[in-house]
PDB file of N, CA and C in Angstrom:
ATOM      1  N   UNK A   1      19.464 -11.820  -0.982  1.00  0.00           N
ATOM      2  CA  UNK A   1      18.166 -11.204  -0.722  1.00  0.00           C
ATOM      3  C   UNK A   1      17.402 -11.095  -2.035  1.00  0.00           C
ATOM      4  N   UNK A   2      16.212 -11.667  -2.059  1.00  0.00           N
ATOM      5  CA  UNK A   2      15.381 -11.691  -3.272  1.00  0.00           C
ATOM      6  C   UNK A   2      14.425 -10.503  -3.250  1.00  0.00           C
ATOM      7  N   UNK A   3      14.552  -9.609  -4.235  1.00  0.00           N
ATOM      8  CA  UNK A   3      13.693  -8.431  -4.288  1.00  0.00           C
ATOM      9  C   UNK A   3      12.549  -8.603  -5.278  1.00  0.00           C
ATOM     10  N   UNK A   4      12.463  -9.767  -5.920  1.00  0.00           N
ATOM     11  CA  UNK A   4      11.397 -10.029  -6.876  1.00  0.00           C
ATOM     12  C   UNK A   4      10.095 -10.265  -6.128  1.00  0.00           C
ATOM     13  N   UNK A   5       9.039  -9.574  -6.570  1.00  0.00           N
ATOM     14  CA  UNK A   5       7.742  -9.760  -5.941  1.00  0.00           C
ATOM     15  C   UNK A   5       7.083 -11.042  -6.436  1.00  0.00           C
ATOM     16  N   UNK A   6       6.383 -11.711  -5.533  1.00  0.00           N
ATOM     17  CA  UNK A   6       5.633 -12.893  -5.935  1.00  0.00           C
ATOM     18  C   UNK A   6       4.357 -12.447  -6.636  1.00  0.00           C
ATOM     19  N   UNK A   7       3.730 -13.389  -7.323  1.00  0.00           N
ATOM     20  CA  UNK A   7       2.458 -13.081  -7.997  1.00  0.00           C
ATOM     21  C   UNK A   7       1.428 -12.590  -6.990  1.00  0.00           C
ATOM     22  N   UNK A   8       1.440 -13.188  -5.816  1.00  0.00           N
ATOM     23  CA  UNK A   8       0.475 -12.784  -4.787  1.00  0.00           C
ATOM     24  C   UNK A   8       0.730 -11.344  -4.338  1.00  0.00           C
ATOM     25  N   UNK A   9       1.984 -10.964  -4.176  1.00  0.00           N
ATOM     26  CA  UNK A   9       2.312  -9.596  -3.774  1.00  0.00           C
ATOM     27  C   UNK A   9       1.913  -8.594  -4.862  1.00  0.00           C
ATOM     28  N   UNK A  10       2.182  -8.945  -6.103  1.00  0.00           N
ATOM     29  CA  UNK A  10       1.799  -8.077  -7.224  1.00  0.00           C
ATOM     30  C   UNK A  10       0.285  -7.936  -7.267  1.00  0.00           C
ATOM     31  N   UNK A  11      -0.414  -9.070  -7.120  1.00  0.00           N
ATOM     32  CA  UNK A  11      -1.880  -9.056  -7.124  1.00  0.00           C
ATOM     33  C   UNK A  11      -2.412  -8.158  -6.010  1.00  0.00           C
ATOM     34  N   UNK A  12      -1.875  -8.337  -4.794  1.00  0.00           N
ATOM     35  CA  UNK A  12      -2.371  -7.566  -3.652  1.00  0.00           C
ATOM     36  C   UNK A  12      -2.096  -6.076  -3.802  1.00  0.00           C
ATOM     37  N   UNK A  13      -0.942  -5.722  -4.340  1.00  0.00           N
ATOM     38  CA  UNK A  13      -0.615  -4.310  -4.559  1.00  0.00           C
ATOM     39  C   UNK A  13      -1.559  -3.700  -5.602  1.00  0.00           C
ATOM     40  N   UNK A  14      -1.792  -4.442  -6.687  1.00  0.00           N
ATOM     41  CA  UNK A  14      -2.696  -3.969  -7.741  1.00  0.00           C
ATOM     42  C   UNK A  14      -4.120  -3.842  -7.205  1.00  0.00           C
ATOM     43  N   UNK A  15      -4.533  -4.799  -6.379  1.00  0.00           N
ATOM     44  CA  UNK A  15      -5.877  -4.760  -5.797  1.00  0.00           C
ATOM     45  C   UNK A  15      -6.046  -3.529  -4.914  1.00  0.00           C
ATOM     46  N   UNK A  16      -5.027  -3.224  -4.122  1.00  0.00           N
ATOM     47  CA  UNK A  16      -5.077  -2.042  -3.263  1.00  0.00           C
ATOM     48  C   UNK A  16      -5.186  -0.762  -4.076  1.00  0.00           C
ATOM     49  N   UNK A  17      -4.407  -0.668  -5.143  1.00  0.00           N
ATOM     50  CA  UNK A  17      -4.464   0.506  -6.010  1.00  0.00           C
ATOM     51  C   UNK A  17      -5.844   0.618  -6.667  1.00  0.00           C
ATOM     52  N   UNK A  18      -6.353  -0.516  -7.135  1.00  0.00           N
ATOM     53  CA  UNK A  18      -7.666  -0.554  -7.782  1.00  0.00           C
ATOM     54  C   UNK A  18      -8.747  -0.060  -6.817  1.00  0.00           C
ATOM     55  N   UNK A  19      -8.694  -0.524  -5.579  1.00  0.00           N
ATOM     56  CA  UNK A  19      -9.695  -0.131  -4.584  1.00  0.00           C
ATOM     57  C   UNK A  19      -9.594   1.352  -4.243  1.00  0.00           C
ATOM     58  N   UNK A  20      -8.371   1.873  -4.154  1.00  0.00           N
ATOM     59  CA  UNK A  20      -8.175   3.299  -3.880  1.00  0.00           C
ATOM     60  C   UNK A  20      -8.764   4.145  -5.002  1.00  0.00           C
ATOM     61  N   UNK A  21      -8.466   3.752  -6.240  1.00  0.00           N
ATOM     62  CA  UNK A  21      -9.002   4.475  -7.397  1.00  0.00           C
ATOM     63  C   UNK A  21     -10.526   4.395  -7.428  1.00  0.00           C
ATOM     64  N   UNK A  22     -11.066   3.237  -7.079  1.00  0.00           N
ATOM     65  CA  UNK A  22     -12.513   3.054  -7.094  1.00  0.00           C
ATOM     66  C   UNK A  22     -13.194   3.952  -6.062  1.00  0.00           C
ATOM     67  N   UNK A  23     -12.596   4.081  -4.886  1.00  0.00           N
ATOM     68  CA  UNK A  23     -13.186   4.953  -3.865  1.00  0.00           C
ATOM     69  C   UNK A  23     -13.234   6.399  -4.363  1.00  0.00           C
ATOM     70  N   UNK A  24     -12.154   6.867  -4.967  1.00  0.00           N
ATOM     71  CA  UNK A  24     -12.134   8.237  -5.496  1.00  0.00           C
ATOM     72  C   UNK A  24     -13.166   8.392  -6.610  1.00  0.00           C
ATOM     73  N   UNK A  25     -13.240   7.398  -7.484  1.00  0.00           N
ATOM     74  CA  UNK A  25     -14.198   7.442  -8.588  1.00  0.00           C
ATOM     75  C   UNK A  25     -15.629   7.507  -8.050  1.00  0.00           C
ATOM     76  N   UNK A  26     -15.940   6.672  -7.080  1.00  0.00           N
ATOM     77  CA  UNK A  26     -17.294   6.663  -6.511  1.00  0.00           C
ATOM     78  C   UNK A  26     -17.623   8.000  -5.850  1.00  0.00           C
ATOM     79  N   UNK A  27     -16.628   8.604  -5.198  1.00  0.00           N
ATOM     80  CA  UNK A  27     -16.839   9.899  -4.571  1.00  0.00           C
ATOM     81  C   UNK A  27     -17.194  10.950  -5.631  1.00  0.00           C
ATOM     82  N   UNK A  28     -16.494  10.936  -6.735  1.00  0.00           N
ATOM     83  CA  UNK A  28     -16.772  11.890  -7.808  1.00  0.00           C
ATOM     84  C   UNK A  28     -18.140  11.642  -8.438  1.00  0.00           C
ATOM     85  N   UNK A  29     -18.474  10.369  -8.654  1.00  0.00           N
ATOM     86  CA  UNK A  29     -19.730  10.041  -9.328  1.00  0.00           C
ATOM     87  C   UNK A  29     -20.962  10.342  -8.478  1.00  0.00           C
ATOM     88  N   UNK A  30     -20.785  10.502  -7.173  1.00  0.00           N
ATOM     89  CA  UNK A  30     -21.907  10.861  -6.297  1.00  0.00           C
ATOM     90  C   UNK A  30     -22.267  12.340  -6.408  1.00  0.00           C
ATOM     91  N   UNK A  31     -21.361  13.119  -6.960  1.00  0.00           N
ATOM     92  CA  UNK A  31     -21.621  14.559  -7.080  1.00  0.00           C
ATOM     93  C   UNK A  31     -22.688  14.811  -8.152  1.00  0.00           C
ATOM     94  N   UNK A  32     -23.565  15.773  -7.915  1.00  0.00           N
ATOM     95  CA  UNK A  32     -24.603  16.053  -8.916  1.00  0.00           C
ATOM     96  C   UNK A  32     -24.049  16.719 -10.175  1.00  0.00           C
ATOM     97  N   UNK A  33     -22.901  17.383 -10.050  1.00  0.00           N
ATOM     98  CA  UNK A  33     -22.318  18.073 -11.190  1.00  0.00           C
ATOM     99  C   UNK A  33     -20.808  17.947 -11.116  1.00  0.00           C
ATOM    100  N   UNK A  34     -20.178  17.664 -12.259  1.00  0.00           N
ATOM    101  CA  UNK A  34     -18.721  17.569 -12.311  1.00  0.00           C
ATOM    102  C   UNK A  34     -18.163  18.703 -13.158  1.00  0.00           C
ATOM    103  N   UNK A  35     -17.068  19.265 -12.691  1.00  0.00           N
ATOM    104  CA  UNK A  35     -16.368  20.261 -13.490  1.00  0.00           C
ATOM    105  C   UNK A  35     -15.661  19.541 -14.639  1.00  0.00           C
ATOM    106  N   UNK A  36     -15.153  20.292 -15.574  1.00  0.00           N
ATOM    107  CA  UNK A  36     -14.422  19.692 -16.699  1.00  0.00           C
ATOM    108  C   UNK A  36     -13.209  18.922 -16.187  1.00  0.00           C
ATOM    109  N   UNK A  37     -12.540  19.470 -15.178  1.00  0.00           N
ATOM    110  CA  UNK A  37     -11.375  18.789 -14.601  1.00  0.00           C
ATOM    111  C   UNK A  37     -11.781  17.470 -13.937  1.00  0.00           C
ATOM    112  N   UNK A  38     -12.917  17.482 -13.261  1.00  0.00           N
ATOM    113  CA  UNK A  38     -13.393  16.260 -12.607  1.00  0.00           C
ATOM    114  C   UNK A  38     -13.811  15.215 -13.634  1.00  0.00           C
ATOM    115  N   UNK A  39     -14.421  15.650 -14.733  1.00  0.00           N
ATOM    116  CA  UNK A  39     -14.787  14.711 -15.793  1.00  0.00           C
ATOM    117  C   UNK A  39     -13.541  14.056 -16.379  1.00  0.00           C
ATOM    118  N   UNK A  40     -12.488  14.848 -16.558  1.00  0.00           N
ATOM    119  CA  UNK A  40     -11.221  14.302 -17.036  1.00  0.00           C
ATOM    120  C   UNK A  40     -10.648  13.311 -16.024  1.00  0.00           C
ATOM    121  N   UNK A  41     -10.731  13.670 -14.747  1.00  0.00           N
ATOM    122  CA  UNK A  41     -10.234  12.770 -13.708  1.00  0.00           C
ATOM    123  C   UNK A  41     -11.007  11.457 -13.705  1.00  0.00           C
ATOM    124  N   UNK A  42     -12.324  11.511 -13.905  1.00  0.00           N
ATOM    125  CA  UNK A  42     -13.140  10.296 -13.958  1.00  0.00           C
ATOM    126  C   UNK A  42     -12.645   9.387 -15.080  1.00  0.00           C
ATOM    127  N   UNK A  43     -12.406   9.964 -16.262  1.00  0.00           N
ATOM    128  CA  UNK A  43     -11.909   9.155 -17.385  1.00  0.00           C
ATOM    129  C   UNK A  43     -10.549   8.538 -17.072  1.00  0.00           C
ATOM    130  N   UNK A  44      -9.668   9.323 -16.464  1.00  0.00           N
ATOM    131  CA  UNK A  44      -8.341   8.809 -16.112  1.00  0.00           C
ATOM    132  C   UNK A  44      -8.427   7.722 -15.050  1.00  0.00           C
ATOM    133  N   UNK A  45      -9.291   7.917 -14.064  1.00  0.00           N
ATOM    134  CA  UNK A  45      -9.457   6.909 -13.015  1.00  0.00           C
ATOM    135  C   UNK A  45      -9.958   5.593 -13.598  1.00  0.00           C
ATOM    136  N   UNK A  46     -10.903   5.670 -14.534  1.00  0.00           N
ATOM    137  CA  UNK A  46     -11.433   4.452 -15.156  1.00  0.00           C
ATOM    138  C   UNK A  46     -10.347   3.718 -15.923  1.00  0.00           C
ATOM    139  N   UNK A  47      -9.504   4.442 -16.629  1.00  0.00           N
ATOM    140  CA  UNK A  47      -8.404   3.812 -17.375  1.00  0.00           C
ATOM    141  C   UNK A  47      -7.409   3.161 -16.422  1.00  0.00           C
ATOM    142  N   UNK A  48      -7.080   3.864 -15.340  1.00  0.00           N
ATOM    143  CA  UNK A  48      -6.132   3.312 -14.365  1.00  0.00           C
ATOM    144  C   UNK A  48      -6.710   2.076 -13.683  1.00  0.00           C
ATOM    145  N   UNK A  49      -8.013   2.125 -13.370  1.00  0.00           N
ATOM    146  CA  UNK A  49      -8.644   0.956 -12.759  1.00  0.00           C
ATOM    147  C   UNK A  49      -8.545  -0.253 -13.681  1.00  0.00           C
ATOM    148  N   UNK A  50      -8.785  -0.053 -14.973  1.00  0.00           N
ATOM    149  CA  UNK A  50      -8.667  -1.160 -15.927  1.00  0.00           C
ATOM    150  C   UNK A  50      -7.249  -1.696 -15.978  1.00  0.00           C
ATOM    151  N   UNK A  51      -6.268  -0.804 -15.925  1.00  0.00           N
ATOM    152  CA  UNK A  51      -4.863  -1.214 -15.928  1.00  0.00           C
ATOM    153  C   UNK A  51      -4.581  -2.131 -14.733  1.00  0.00           C
ATOM    154  N   UNK A  52      -5.012  -1.713 -13.540  1.00  0.00           N
ATOM    155  CA  UNK A  52      -4.764  -2.530 -12.356  1.00  0.00           C
ATOM    156  C   UNK A  52      -5.588  -3.819 -12.371  1.00  0.00           C
ATOM    157  N   UNK A  53      -6.776  -3.774 -12.942  1.00  0.00           N
ATOM    158  CA  UNK A  53      -7.574  -4.998 -13.062  1.00  0.00           C
ATOM    159  C   UNK A  53      -6.867  -5.998 -13.974  1.00  0.00           C
ATOM    160  N   UNK A  54      -6.276  -5.501 -15.060  1.00  0.00           N
ATOM    161  CA  UNK A  54      -5.509  -6.377 -15.961  1.00  0.00           C
ATOM    162  C   UNK A  54      -4.335  -7.024 -15.221  1.00  0.00           C
ATOM    163  N   UNK A  55      -3.647  -6.243 -14.398  1.00  0.00           N
ATOM    164  CA  UNK A  55      -2.528  -6.794 -13.616  1.00  0.00           C
ATOM    165  C   UNK A  55      -3.042  -7.869 -12.671  1.00  0.00           C
ATOM    166  N   UNK A  56      -4.178  -7.606 -12.041  1.00  0.00           N
ATOM    167  CA  UNK A  56      -4.750  -8.593 -11.124  1.00  0.00           C
ATOM    168  C   UNK A  56      -5.092  -9.884 -11.860  1.00  0.00           C
ATOM    169  N   UNK A  57      -5.681  -9.764 -13.047  1.00  0.00           N
ATOM    170  CA  UNK A  57      -6.046 -10.954 -13.825  1.00  0.00           C
ATOM    171  C   UNK A  57      -4.811 -11.757 -14.250  1.00  0.00           C
ATOM    172  N   UNK A  58      -3.747 -11.078 -14.587  1.00  0.00           N
ATOM    173  CA  UNK A  58      -2.524 -11.753 -15.019  1.00  0.00           C
ATOM    174  C   UNK A  58      -1.798 -12.448 -13.868  1.00  0.00           C
ATOM    175  N   UNK A  59      -2.086 -12.045 -12.649  1.00  0.00           N
ATOM    176  CA  UNK A  59      -1.359 -12.568 -11.499  1.00  0.00           C
ATOM    177  C   UNK A  59      -2.239 -13.356 -10.550  1.00  0.00           C
ATOM    178  N   UNK A  60      -3.307 -13.921 -11.057  1.00  0.00           N
ATOM    179  CA  UNK A  60      -4.172 -14.775 -10.232  1.00  0.00           C
ATOM    180  C   UNK A  60      -3.525 -16.092  -9.994  1.00  0.00           C
TER     181      UNK A  60
END
């Protein structure tokens, strides 16, 4: 039994994570005012999105 993920599986998993993070980010950015915690979350979400985008680029 082969448990190694294919490039396509890795790409699709990263894409799903990226899209989930993007939806949360967009929800936060629609707010007229962000708390300090939300501003921190926005920065973290952007970093995580870049991480998953890098994975997607490496596995095209």
